[in-house]
């Protein structure tokens, strides 16, 4: 049972990371303002949760929960490896260094933050233009 819960947490973790990464272009898509807003809120919550858990636990809280679940399965050896490393190794057969994962994560946080800023500035500009025409 614990291994199924651990696998479920790992799956949720992977889907959350994929949604955040694959949704980045939505921040720049003026065509879909509602999707852009929903994604921007998701990205901010994702980043805050990620950075807070990194600050408090030195890794993502979902990794901690998954490791705890996997640790309750007596037939499974618990890996203390980061989830991103385990995922990369499972998919590609190799994993980048922790330093590289941290730098990539920081670059994606920067891209998300820049996208939110661009979206907010565009929305304000569009509101000013629409009120000045009225």
C-alpha atoms as a PDB file:
ATOM      1  CA  UNK A   1       0.000   0.000   0.000  1.00  0.00           C
ATOM      2  CA  UNK A   2       2.740   2.482   0.946  1.00  0.00           C
ATOM      3  CA  UNK A   3       4.553   1.940  -2.336  1.00  0.00           C
ATOM      4  CA  UNK A   4       1.331   2.746  -4.235  1.00  0.00           C
ATOM      5  CA  UNK A   5       0.919   5.970  -2.242  1.00  0.00           C
ATOM      6  CA  UNK A   6       4.600   6.825  -2.797  1.00  0.00           C
ATOM      7  CA  UNK A   7       4.190   6.195  -6.518  1.00  0.00           C
ATOM      8  CA  UNK A   8       1.034   8.341  -6.520  1.00  0.00           C
ATOM      9  CA  UNK A   9       2.869  11.214  -4.820  1.00  0.00           C
ATOM     10  CA  UNK A  10       5.689  10.863  -7.360  1.00  0.00           C
ATOM     11  CA  UNK A  11       3.127  10.937 -10.186  1.00  0.00           C
ATOM     12  CA  UNK A  12       1.445  14.071  -8.792  1.00  0.00           C
ATOM     13  CA  UNK A  13       4.900  15.633  -8.429  1.00  0.00           C
ATOM     14  CA  UNK A  14       5.788  14.839 -12.038  1.00  0.00           C
ATOM     15  CA  UNK A  15       2.460  16.174 -13.347  1.00  0.00           C
ATOM     16  CA  UNK A  16       2.779  19.381 -11.295  1.00  0.00           C
ATOM     17  CA  UNK A  17       6.287  19.970 -12.644  1.00  0.00           C
ATOM     18  CA  UNK A  18       5.196  19.248 -16.222  1.00  0.00           C
ATOM     19  CA  UNK A  19       2.195  21.581 -15.936  1.00  0.00           C
ATOM     20  CA  UNK A  20       4.422  24.356 -14.638  1.00  0.00           C
ATOM     21  CA  UNK A  21       7.095  23.874 -17.302  1.00  0.00           C
ATOM     22  CA  UNK A  22       4.773  23.281 -20.269  1.00  0.00           C
ATOM     23  CA  UNK A  23       2.489  26.162 -19.251  1.00  0.00           C
ATOM     24  CA  UNK A  24       5.226  28.813 -19.359  1.00  0.00           C
ATOM     25  CA  UNK A  25       4.294  29.951 -22.905  1.00  0.00           C
ATOM     26  CA  UNK A  26       0.768  30.778 -21.658  1.00  0.00           C
ATOM     27  CA  UNK A  27       2.242  33.743 -19.787  1.00  0.00           C
ATOM     28  CA  UNK A  28       2.986  35.358 -23.124  1.00  0.00           C
ATOM     29  CA  UNK A  29      -0.222  34.317 -24.907  1.00  0.00           C
ATOM     30  CA  UNK A  30      -2.422  37.372 -25.142  1.00  0.00           C
ATOM     31  CA  UNK A  31      -5.055  35.378 -26.996  1.00  0.00           C
ATOM     32  CA  UNK A  32      -6.178  33.413 -23.914  1.00  0.00           C
ATOM     33  CA  UNK A  33      -6.361  35.833 -20.960  1.00  0.00           C
ATOM     34  CA  UNK A  34      -8.271  33.467 -18.664  1.00  0.00           C
ATOM     35  CA  UNK A  35      -5.832  30.590 -19.242  1.00  0.00           C
ATOM     36  CA  UNK A  36      -2.946  33.012 -18.777  1.00  0.00           C
ATOM     37  CA  UNK A  37      -4.351  34.189 -15.434  1.00  0.00           C
ATOM     38  CA  UNK A  38      -5.047  30.661 -14.188  1.00  0.00           C
ATOM     39  CA  UNK A  39      -1.558  29.576 -15.171  1.00  0.00           C
ATOM     40  CA  UNK A  40       0.051  32.675 -13.613  1.00  0.00           C
ATOM     41  CA  UNK A  41      -1.672  31.955 -10.288  1.00  0.00           C
ATOM     42  CA  UNK A  42      -0.640  28.288 -10.506  1.00  0.00           C
ATOM     43  CA  UNK A  43       2.954  29.255 -11.327  1.00  0.00           C
ATOM     44  CA  UNK A  44       3.180  31.662  -8.401  1.00  0.00           C
ATOM     45  CA  UNK A  45       1.757  29.070  -5.967  1.00  0.00           C
ATOM     46  CA  UNK A  46       4.080  26.416  -7.416  1.00  0.00           C
ATOM     47  CA  UNK A  47       7.142  28.638  -7.054  1.00  0.00           C
ATOM     48  CA  UNK A  48       6.276  29.811  -3.532  1.00  0.00           C
ATOM     49  CA  UNK A  49       5.646  26.225  -2.372  1.00  0.00           C
ATOM     50  CA  UNK A  50       8.805  24.997  -4.080  1.00  0.00           C
ATOM     51  CA  UNK A  51      11.051  27.734  -2.728  1.00  0.00           C
ATOM     52  CA  UNK A  52       9.547  27.563   0.776  1.00  0.00           C
ATOM     53  CA  UNK A  53      10.035  23.810   0.994  1.00  0.00           C
ATOM     54  CA  UNK A  54      13.565  24.147  -0.391  1.00  0.00           C
ATOM     55  CA  UNK A  55      14.300  26.748   2.286  1.00  0.00           C
ATOM     56  CA  UNK A  56      12.716  24.724   5.116  1.00  0.00           C
ATOM     57  CA  UNK A  57      13.632  21.152   4.092  1.00  0.00           C
ATOM     58  CA  UNK A  58      16.355  21.608   1.469  1.00  0.00           C
ATOM     59  CA  UNK A  59      14.142  19.782  -1.045  1.00  0.00           C
ATOM     60  CA  UNK A  60      10.572  19.719  -2.304  1.00  0.00           C
ATOM     61  CA  UNK A  61       7.951  18.710   0.259  1.00  0.00           C
ATOM     62  CA  UNK A  62       6.506  16.203  -2.237  1.00  0.00           C
ATOM     63  CA  UNK A  63       9.884  14.455  -2.374  1.00  0.00           C
ATOM     64  CA  UNK A  64       9.848  14.244   1.424  1.00  0.00           C
ATOM     65  CA  UNK A  65       6.306  12.816   1.456  1.00  0.00           C
ATOM     66  CA  UNK A  66       7.122  10.287  -1.283  1.00  0.00           C
ATOM     67  CA  UNK A  67      10.297   9.176   0.495  1.00  0.00           C
ATOM     68  CA  UNK A  68       8.364   8.779   3.738  1.00  0.00           C
ATOM     69  CA  UNK A  69       5.780   6.597   1.964  1.00  0.00           C
ATOM     70  CA  UNK A  70       8.406   4.531   0.151  1.00  0.00           C
ATOM     71  CA  UNK A  71      10.215   4.100   3.485  1.00  0.00           C
ATOM     72  CA  UNK A  72       7.173   2.379   4.973  1.00  0.00           C
ATOM     73  CA  UNK A  73       7.385  -0.390   2.377  1.00  0.00           C
ATOM     74  CA  UNK A  74       9.765  -3.000   3.818  1.00  0.00           C
ATOM     75  CA  UNK A  75      10.579  -4.472   0.399  1.00  0.00           C
ATOM     76  CA  UNK A  76      11.692  -1.135  -1.118  1.00  0.00           C
ATOM     77  CA  UNK A  77      15.019   0.575  -0.594  1.00  0.00           C
ATOM     78  CA  UNK A  78      14.429   4.290   0.076  1.00  0.00           C
ATOM     79  CA  UNK A  79      16.321   6.648  -2.206  1.00  0.00           C
ATOM     80  CA  UNK A  80      17.465   9.937  -0.738  1.00  0.00           C
ATOM     81  CA  UNK A  81      17.872  11.273  -4.265  1.00  0.00           C
ATOM     82  CA  UNK A  82      15.903  14.305  -5.439  1.00  0.00           C
ATOM     83  CA  UNK A  83      12.739  13.507  -7.353  1.00  0.00           C
ATOM     84  CA  UNK A  84      14.011  15.337 -10.456  1.00  0.00           C
ATOM     85  CA  UNK A  85      17.091  13.121 -10.464  1.00  0.00           C
ATOM     86  CA  UNK A  86      15.057   9.921 -10.066  1.00  0.00           C
ATOM     87  CA  UNK A  87      12.680  11.059 -12.809  1.00  0.00           C
ATOM     88  CA  UNK A  88      15.520  11.928 -15.213  1.00  0.00           C
ATOM     89  CA  UNK A  89      17.226   8.609 -14.516  1.00  0.00           C
ATOM     90  CA  UNK A  90      13.966   6.718 -15.088  1.00  0.00           C
ATOM     91  CA  UNK A  91      13.233   8.499 -18.370  1.00  0.00           C
ATOM     92  CA  UNK A  92      16.685   9.096 -19.863  1.00  0.00           C
ATOM     93  CA  UNK A  93      18.844   6.531 -18.056  1.00  0.00           C
ATOM     94  CA  UNK A  94      21.039   9.336 -16.675  1.00  0.00           C
ATOM     95  CA  UNK A  95      20.665  12.371 -14.439  1.00  0.00           C
ATOM     96  CA  UNK A  96      22.209  15.849 -14.325  1.00  0.00           C
ATOM     97  CA  UNK A  97      24.122  17.122 -11.315  1.00  0.00           C
ATOM     98  CA  UNK A  98      22.318  18.698  -8.370  1.00  0.00           C
ATOM     99  CA  UNK A  99      24.005  21.985  -9.299  1.00  0.00           C
ATOM    100  CA  UNK A 100      22.588  21.814 -12.831  1.00  0.00           C
ATOM    101  CA  UNK A 101      19.072  21.018 -11.566  1.00  0.00           C
ATOM    102  CA  UNK A 102      19.243  23.960  -9.151  1.00  0.00           C
ATOM    103  CA  UNK A 103      20.419  26.337 -11.878  1.00  0.00           C
ATOM    104  CA  UNK A 104      17.743  25.136 -14.293  1.00  0.00           C
ATOM    105  CA  UNK A 105      15.106  25.524 -11.603  1.00  0.00           C
ATOM    106  CA  UNK A 106      16.287  29.071 -10.893  1.00  0.00           C
ATOM    107  CA  UNK A 107      16.222  29.904 -14.617  1.00  0.00           C
ATOM    108  CA  UNK A 108      12.646  28.600 -14.890  1.00  0.00           C
ATOM    109  CA  UNK A 109      11.614  30.600 -11.813  1.00  0.00           C
ATOM    110  CA  UNK A 110      13.115  33.678 -13.481  1.00  0.00           C
ATOM    111  CA  UNK A 111      11.262  32.931 -16.729  1.00  0.00           C
ATOM    112  CA  UNK A 112       8.005  32.507 -14.832  1.00  0.00           C
ATOM    113  CA  UNK A 113       8.500  35.715 -12.875  1.00  0.00           C
ATOM    114  CA  UNK A 114       9.370  37.615 -16.058  1.00  0.00           C
ATOM    115  CA  UNK A 115       6.283  36.189 -17.744  1.00  0.00           C
ATOM    116  CA  UNK A 116       4.041  37.291 -14.893  1.00  0.00           C
ATOM    117  CA  UNK A 117       5.550  40.786 -15.035  1.00  0.00           C
ATOM    118  CA  UNK A 118       5.019  40.960 -18.801  1.00  0.00           C
ATOM    119  CA  UNK A 119       1.421  39.758 -18.404  1.00  0.00           C
ATOM    120  CA  UNK A 120       0.656  42.322 -15.696  1.00  0.00           C
ATOM    121  CA  UNK A 121       2.240  45.173 -17.653  1.00  0.00           C
ATOM    122  CA  UNK A 122       0.315  44.203 -20.798  1.00  0.00           C
ATOM    123  CA  UNK A 123      -2.956  44.001 -18.891  1.00  0.00           C
ATOM    124  CA  UNK A 124      -2.413  47.429 -17.351  1.00  0.00           C
ATOM    125  CA  UNK A 125      -1.468  48.915 -20.723  1.00  0.00           C
ATOM    126  CA  UNK A 126      -4.523  47.365 -22.357  1.00  0.00           C
ATOM    127  CA  UNK A 127      -6.787  48.724 -19.600  1.00  0.00           C
ATOM    128  CA  UNK A 128      -5.312  52.210 -19.993  1.00  0.00           C
ATOM    129  CA  UNK A 129      -5.784  52.087 -23.754  1.00  0.00           C
ATOM    130  CA  UNK A 130      -9.377  50.887 -23.474  1.00  0.00           C
ATOM    131  CA  UNK A 131     -10.292  53.563 -20.918  1.00  0.00           C
ATOM    132  CA  UNK A 132      -8.633  56.320 -22.923  1.00  0.00           C
ATOM    133  CA  UNK A 133     -10.643  55.360 -26.045  1.00  0.00           C
ATOM    134  CA  UNK A 134     -13.931  55.420 -24.161  1.00  0.00           C
END
